[in-house]
Each structure stands twice: as C-alpha cells, then as structure tokens.
C-alpha cells in the first residue's frame, strides 16, 4: 500500500522529533562524563553549544507534533537511555571517540534530512526551510567534530559503524512506531 503525503509527513515529524531529542540525550551523556569523570572544559563548551542547537530543533518538532496531533515514537524512553549511554560511553573513551560520536550521528542525520528535503511537497515550505536550516546546523556540528579530532582510523572505524548502524535502526523504528 502506497503511503499518502500525510502519512509520510507524520513519519518525518515523528522521527525528526525523536532524533533531535536523541541528540540532546547524547550531549547530556557527554556532559555527564565531562562533569564527573573527564576534565576537559574546552570540550564541555563545544558540546554545550551544539546541545543548544539541538534544543532549538527539538522544540520546533515538539511544537509540530502538538500542532499536527502526531503521536511521538513509543520508543522515546529507550532512545533517551541509549542516547545518554552513547554520549557517556563515547566520552569516557576520550575526546576522539566523543567527537566521532557527533560526526557519525551527524553524517547519518545529514543524509536523512537531505532525503526528507527532496521528498517534501511545496505546500510544506516552512517545514522544508526549517529542515534545511537544521541540516546545515548538523553539518556544522560534523565539521566541528572533525576539527576537534574525530577520526575513523583504526578501531575508531568500528565505533563509527556501530554508531551509524544504531542511528539508522532508530530512524527506521521511530518512523513507524
């Protein structure tokens, strides 16, 4: 059965809401590690700034969910837990791993948002403009992560694949449920 534009739109907003909230949770996990175990004030400031962008994105989708009467993903509690765990775990592995976590997630999201932008109809101009802006913010986060030491060399290539696979699975589930 072919999806209607309305069904597709609901999926877009549900998954984008979950993703932006997930990003906040990853950064919260990273900040938890930086406030308790790891001492790196410079990294803490970088992550705080990126988290602020994610809050803006999440608030927008939170409003869209309410305005359009869309049910959020039922997996939100699990995504919250996994996000905090991923952020915390990547940060205790070191700055390169923490920054790779950001880069890997943002690479998946950049592709995801581009896909949505290409599918949105002309009657959703405002939503499309917001997703373009958010994609650009995510691209900036990815670039910052690489400037700050993210790498896919050696064992980091395995971490990259794990994070990207997990992100894609979360996207597929959140679109539907």
C-alpha atoms as a PDB file:
ATOM      1  CA  UNK A   1       0.000   0.000   0.000  1.00  0.00           C
ATOM      2  CA  UNK A   2       1.401   3.372  -1.067  1.00  0.00           C
ATOM      3  CA  UNK A   3       1.906   5.957   1.666  1.00  0.00           C
ATOM      4  CA  UNK A   4      -0.014   9.207   1.421  1.00  0.00           C
ATOM      5  CA  UNK A   5       1.809  12.509   1.742  1.00  0.00           C
ATOM      6  CA  UNK A   6       0.098  12.985   5.108  1.00  0.00           C
ATOM      7  CA  UNK A   7       1.432   9.625   6.353  1.00  0.00           C
ATOM      8  CA  UNK A   8       4.913  10.476   5.118  1.00  0.00           C
ATOM      9  CA  UNK A   9       4.732  13.865   6.813  1.00  0.00           C
ATOM     10  CA  UNK A  10       3.750  12.247  10.129  1.00  0.00           C
ATOM     11  CA  UNK A  11       6.721   9.887   9.841  1.00  0.00           C
ATOM     12  CA  UNK A  12       9.079  12.779   9.047  1.00  0.00           C
ATOM     13  CA  UNK A  13       7.985  14.821  12.041  1.00  0.00           C
ATOM     14  CA  UNK A  14       7.864  11.848  14.450  1.00  0.00           C
ATOM     15  CA  UNK A  15      11.349  10.649  13.531  1.00  0.00           C
ATOM     16  CA  UNK A  16      12.862  14.152  13.446  1.00  0.00           C
ATOM     17  CA  UNK A  17      11.453  14.853  16.900  1.00  0.00           C
ATOM     18  CA  UNK A  18      12.927  11.586  18.199  1.00  0.00           C
ATOM     19  CA  UNK A  19      16.265  12.266  16.518  1.00  0.00           C
ATOM     20  CA  UNK A  20      16.664  15.773  17.857  1.00  0.00           C
ATOM     21  CA  UNK A  21      15.729  14.624  21.333  1.00  0.00           C
ATOM     22  CA  UNK A  22      18.202  11.755  20.930  1.00  0.00           C
ATOM     23  CA  UNK A  23      20.935  14.249  20.055  1.00  0.00           C
ATOM     24  CA  UNK A  24      20.172  16.220  23.218  1.00  0.00           C
ATOM     25  CA  UNK A  25      20.434  13.000  25.243  1.00  0.00           C
ATOM     26  CA  UNK A  26      23.784  12.116  23.632  1.00  0.00           C
ATOM     27  CA  UNK A  27      25.121  15.545  24.551  1.00  0.00           C
ATOM     28  CA  UNK A  28      23.679  15.194  28.073  1.00  0.00           C
ATOM     29  CA  UNK A  29      25.572  11.904  28.415  1.00  0.00           C
ATOM     30  CA  UNK A  30      28.750  13.537  27.180  1.00  0.00           C
ATOM     31  CA  UNK A  31      28.331  16.423  29.592  1.00  0.00           C
ATOM     32  CA  UNK A  32      27.659  13.973  32.434  1.00  0.00           C
ATOM     33  CA  UNK A  33      31.010  12.298  31.727  1.00  0.00           C
ATOM     34  CA  UNK A  34      32.725  15.681  31.419  1.00  0.00           C
ATOM     35  CA  UNK A  35      31.244  16.865  34.721  1.00  0.00           C
ATOM     36  CA  UNK A  36      32.069  13.703  36.695  1.00  0.00           C
ATOM     37  CA  UNK A  37      34.975  11.731  35.242  1.00  0.00           C
ATOM     38  CA  UNK A  38      36.716  13.559  32.405  1.00  0.00           C
ATOM     39  CA  UNK A  39      38.162  17.036  32.828  1.00  0.00           C
ATOM     40  CA  UNK A  40      38.074  18.941  29.543  1.00  0.00           C
ATOM     41  CA  UNK A  41      36.490  22.386  29.816  1.00  0.00           C
ATOM     42  CA  UNK A  42      37.112  23.195  26.144  1.00  0.00           C
ATOM     43  CA  UNK A  43      35.223  20.097  25.000  1.00  0.00           C
ATOM     44  CA  UNK A  44      32.474  20.842  27.521  1.00  0.00           C
ATOM     45  CA  UNK A  45      31.922  24.301  25.973  1.00  0.00           C
ATOM     46  CA  UNK A  46      31.822  22.899  22.428  1.00  0.00           C
ATOM     47  CA  UNK A  47      29.243  20.288  23.419  1.00  0.00           C
ATOM     48  CA  UNK A  48      27.105  22.824  25.317  1.00  0.00           C
ATOM     49  CA  UNK A  49      26.881  24.997  22.185  1.00  0.00           C
ATOM     50  CA  UNK A  50      25.922  22.067  19.954  1.00  0.00           C
ATOM     51  CA  UNK A  51      23.331  20.960  22.512  1.00  0.00           C
ATOM     52  CA  UNK A  52      21.692  24.411  22.309  1.00  0.00           C
ATOM     53  CA  UNK A  53      21.157  23.948  18.550  1.00  0.00           C
ATOM     54  CA  UNK A  54      19.619  20.545  19.190  1.00  0.00           C
ATOM     55  CA  UNK A  55      17.245  22.063  21.757  1.00  0.00           C
ATOM     56  CA  UNK A  56      16.073  24.588  19.157  1.00  0.00           C
ATOM     57  CA  UNK A  57      15.491  21.769  16.659  1.00  0.00           C
ATOM     58  CA  UNK A  58      13.710  19.577  19.203  1.00  0.00           C
ATOM     59  CA  UNK A  59      11.446  22.422  20.350  1.00  0.00           C
ATOM     60  CA  UNK A  60      10.392  23.045  16.763  1.00  0.00           C
ATOM     61  CA  UNK A  61       9.452  19.391  16.209  1.00  0.00           C
ATOM     62  CA  UNK A  62       7.807  19.204  19.653  1.00  0.00           C
ATOM     63  CA  UNK A  63       5.531  22.056  18.552  1.00  0.00           C
ATOM     64  CA  UNK A  64       4.860  20.387  15.185  1.00  0.00           C
ATOM     65  CA  UNK A  65       3.901  17.137  16.937  1.00  0.00           C
ATOM     66  CA  UNK A  66       1.387  19.001  19.095  1.00  0.00           C
ATOM     67  CA  UNK A  67       0.082  21.257  16.324  1.00  0.00           C
ATOM     68  CA  UNK A  68      -0.440  18.378  13.882  1.00  0.00           C
ATOM     69  CA  UNK A  69      -1.629  15.891  16.524  1.00  0.00           C
ATOM     70  CA  UNK A  70       1.111  13.335  15.781  1.00  0.00           C
ATOM     71  CA  UNK A  71       1.997  10.665  18.309  1.00  0.00           C
ATOM     72  CA  UNK A  72       5.698  10.661  19.267  1.00  0.00           C
ATOM     73  CA  UNK A  73       7.584   7.400  18.934  1.00  0.00           C
ATOM     74  CA  UNK A  74       6.751   4.875  21.628  1.00  0.00           C
ATOM     75  CA  UNK A  75      10.462   4.135  21.881  1.00  0.00           C
ATOM     76  CA  UNK A  76      11.356   7.566  23.323  1.00  0.00           C
ATOM     77  CA  UNK A  77      12.268   6.214  26.810  1.00  0.00           C
ATOM     78  CA  UNK A  78      14.612   3.655  25.244  1.00  0.00           C
ATOM     79  CA  UNK A  79      16.157   6.221  22.886  1.00  0.00           C
ATOM     80  CA  UNK A  80      16.693   8.566  25.862  1.00  0.00           C
ATOM     81  CA  UNK A  81      18.524   5.862  27.791  1.00  0.00           C
ATOM     82  CA  UNK A  82      20.605   4.754  24.808  1.00  0.00           C
ATOM     83  CA  UNK A  83      21.429   8.360  23.908  1.00  0.00           C
ATOM     84  CA  UNK A  84      22.745   9.175  27.372  1.00  0.00           C
ATOM     85  CA  UNK A  85      24.665   5.886  27.408  1.00  0.00           C
ATOM     86  CA  UNK A  86      26.204   6.517  23.994  1.00  0.00           C
ATOM     87  CA  UNK A  87      27.221  10.041  24.940  1.00  0.00           C
ATOM     88  CA  UNK A  88      28.669   8.993  28.276  1.00  0.00           C
ATOM     89  CA  UNK A  89      30.406   5.914  26.890  1.00  0.00           C
ATOM     90  CA  UNK A  90      31.958   7.674  23.905  1.00  0.00           C
ATOM     91  CA  UNK A  91      33.282  10.465  26.123  1.00  0.00           C
ATOM     92  CA  UNK A  92      34.962   8.200  28.657  1.00  0.00           C
ATOM     93  CA  UNK A  93      36.765   6.619  25.682  1.00  0.00           C
ATOM     94  CA  UNK A  94      38.353  10.017  25.035  1.00  0.00           C
ATOM     95  CA  UNK A  95      37.938  13.185  23.023  1.00  0.00           C
ATOM     96  CA  UNK A  96      38.421  11.477  19.641  1.00  0.00           C
ATOM     97  CA  UNK A  97      35.648   8.983  20.407  1.00  0.00           C
ATOM     98  CA  UNK A  98      33.337  11.714  21.752  1.00  0.00           C
ATOM     99  CA  UNK A  99      33.836  13.793  18.627  1.00  0.00           C
ATOM    100  CA  UNK A 100      33.477  10.731  16.387  1.00  0.00           C
ATOM    101  CA  UNK A 101      30.124  10.063  18.059  1.00  0.00           C
ATOM    102  CA  UNK A 102      28.963  13.526  16.954  1.00  0.00           C
ATOM    103  CA  UNK A 103      30.428  13.164  13.458  1.00  0.00           C
ATOM    104  CA  UNK A 104      28.932   9.705  12.895  1.00  0.00           C
ATOM    105  CA  UNK A 105      25.450  10.663  14.062  1.00  0.00           C
ATOM    106  CA  UNK A 106      25.516  13.916  12.087  1.00  0.00           C
ATOM    107  CA  UNK A 107      26.564  12.118   8.890  1.00  0.00           C
ATOM    108  CA  UNK A 108      23.508   9.872   9.173  1.00  0.00           C
ATOM    109  CA  UNK A 109      21.238  12.830  10.008  1.00  0.00           C
ATOM    110  CA  UNK A 110      22.607  14.948   7.175  1.00  0.00           C
ATOM    111  CA  UNK A 111      21.693  12.200   4.696  1.00  0.00           C
ATOM    112  CA  UNK A 112      18.328  11.648   6.426  1.00  0.00           C
ATOM    113  CA  UNK A 113      17.391  15.344   6.282  1.00  0.00           C
ATOM    114  CA  UNK A 114      18.506  15.646   2.645  1.00  0.00           C
ATOM    115  CA  UNK A 115      16.228  12.722   1.820  1.00  0.00           C
ATOM    116  CA  UNK A 116      13.301  14.433   3.515  1.00  0.00           C
ATOM    117  CA  UNK A 117      14.004  17.781   1.840  1.00  0.00           C
ATOM    118  CA  UNK A 118      13.880  16.078  -1.551  1.00  0.00           C
ATOM    119  CA  UNK A 119      10.509  14.462  -0.734  1.00  0.00           C
ATOM    120  CA  UNK A 120       8.658  17.373   0.873  1.00  0.00           C
ATOM    121  CA  UNK A 121       5.849  18.856  -1.171  1.00  0.00           C
ATOM    122  CA  UNK A 122       5.637  22.568  -1.996  1.00  0.00           C
ATOM    123  CA  UNK A 123       2.747  23.052   0.463  1.00  0.00           C
ATOM    124  CA  UNK A 124       5.211  22.375   3.315  1.00  0.00           C
ATOM    125  CA  UNK A 125       7.518  25.308   2.562  1.00  0.00           C
ATOM    126  CA  UNK A 126       8.054  26.345   6.208  1.00  0.00           C
ATOM    127  CA  UNK A 127       8.820  22.789   7.329  1.00  0.00           C
ATOM    128  CA  UNK A 128      11.230  22.359   4.418  1.00  0.00           C
ATOM    129  CA  UNK A 129      13.027  25.629   5.279  1.00  0.00           C
ATOM    130  CA  UNK A 130      13.399  24.520   8.913  1.00  0.00           C
ATOM    131  CA  UNK A 131      14.765  21.106   7.938  1.00  0.00           C
ATOM    132  CA  UNK A 132      17.254  22.779   5.561  1.00  0.00           C
ATOM    133  CA  UNK A 133      18.398  25.064   8.397  1.00  0.00           C
ATOM    134  CA  UNK A 134      18.648  22.144  10.825  1.00  0.00           C
ATOM    135  CA  UNK A 135      20.590  20.069   8.294  1.00  0.00           C
ATOM    136  CA  UNK A 136      23.029  22.962   7.928  1.00  0.00           C
ATOM    137  CA  UNK A 137      23.419  23.129  11.724  1.00  0.00           C
ATOM    138  CA  UNK A 138      24.115  19.369  11.791  1.00  0.00           C
ATOM    139  CA  UNK A 139      26.700  19.773   9.024  1.00  0.00           C
ATOM    140  CA  UNK A 140      28.381  22.469  11.120  1.00  0.00           C
ATOM    141  CA  UNK A 141      28.434  20.097  14.127  1.00  0.00           C
ATOM    142  CA  UNK A 142      30.013  17.378  11.983  1.00  0.00           C
ATOM    143  CA  UNK A 143      32.690  19.789  10.748  1.00  0.00           C
ATOM    144  CA  UNK A 144      33.428  20.953  14.300  1.00  0.00           C
ATOM    145  CA  UNK A 145      33.751  17.320  15.399  1.00  0.00           C
ATOM    146  CA  UNK A 146      36.358  16.618  12.717  1.00  0.00           C
ATOM    147  CA  UNK A 147      38.205  19.864  13.529  1.00  0.00           C
ATOM    148  CA  UNK A 148      38.266  18.728  17.175  1.00  0.00           C
ATOM    149  CA  UNK A 149      39.823  15.343  16.421  1.00  0.00           C
ATOM    150  CA  UNK A 150      37.134  12.917  15.264  1.00  0.00           C
ATOM    151  CA  UNK A 151      38.726  10.147  13.252  1.00  0.00           C
ATOM    152  CA  UNK A 152      37.727   6.885  11.600  1.00  0.00           C
ATOM    153  CA  UNK A 153      41.243   5.448  11.661  1.00  0.00           C
ATOM    154  CA  UNK A 154      41.967   2.139  13.360  1.00  0.00           C
ATOM    155  CA  UNK A 155      39.464   0.937  15.942  1.00  0.00           C
ATOM    156  CA  UNK A 156      37.509   4.155  15.533  1.00  0.00           C
ATOM    157  CA  UNK A 157      36.201   2.786  12.219  1.00  0.00           C
ATOM    158  CA  UNK A 158      34.374   0.092  14.217  1.00  0.00           C
ATOM    159  CA  UNK A 159      32.859   2.681  16.550  1.00  0.00           C
ATOM    160  CA  UNK A 160      31.739   4.710  13.516  1.00  0.00           C
ATOM    161  CA  UNK A 161      29.953   1.690  12.022  1.00  0.00           C
ATOM    162  CA  UNK A 162      28.275   0.818  15.336  1.00  0.00           C
ATOM    163  CA  UNK A 163      27.008   4.373  15.861  1.00  0.00           C
ATOM    164  CA  UNK A 164      25.790   4.746  12.282  1.00  0.00           C
ATOM    165  CA  UNK A 165      24.044   1.371  12.309  1.00  0.00           C
ATOM    166  CA  UNK A 166      22.345   2.156  15.605  1.00  0.00           C
ATOM    167  CA  UNK A 167      21.250   5.568  14.321  1.00  0.00           C
ATOM    168  CA  UNK A 168      19.759   4.073  11.158  1.00  0.00           C
ATOM    169  CA  UNK A 169      17.898   1.412  13.141  1.00  0.00           C
ATOM    170  CA  UNK A 170      16.480   4.086  15.476  1.00  0.00           C
ATOM    171  CA  UNK A 171      15.362   6.131  12.461  1.00  0.00           C
ATOM    172  CA  UNK A 172      13.584   3.174  10.848  1.00  0.00           C
ATOM    173  CA  UNK A 173      11.807   2.212  14.064  1.00  0.00           C
ATOM    174  CA  UNK A 174      10.869   5.799  15.022  1.00  0.00           C
ATOM    175  CA  UNK A 175       9.282   6.469  11.637  1.00  0.00           C
ATOM    176  CA  UNK A 176       6.829   3.611  12.150  1.00  0.00           C
ATOM    177  CA  UNK A 177       6.209   3.239  15.879  1.00  0.00           C
END
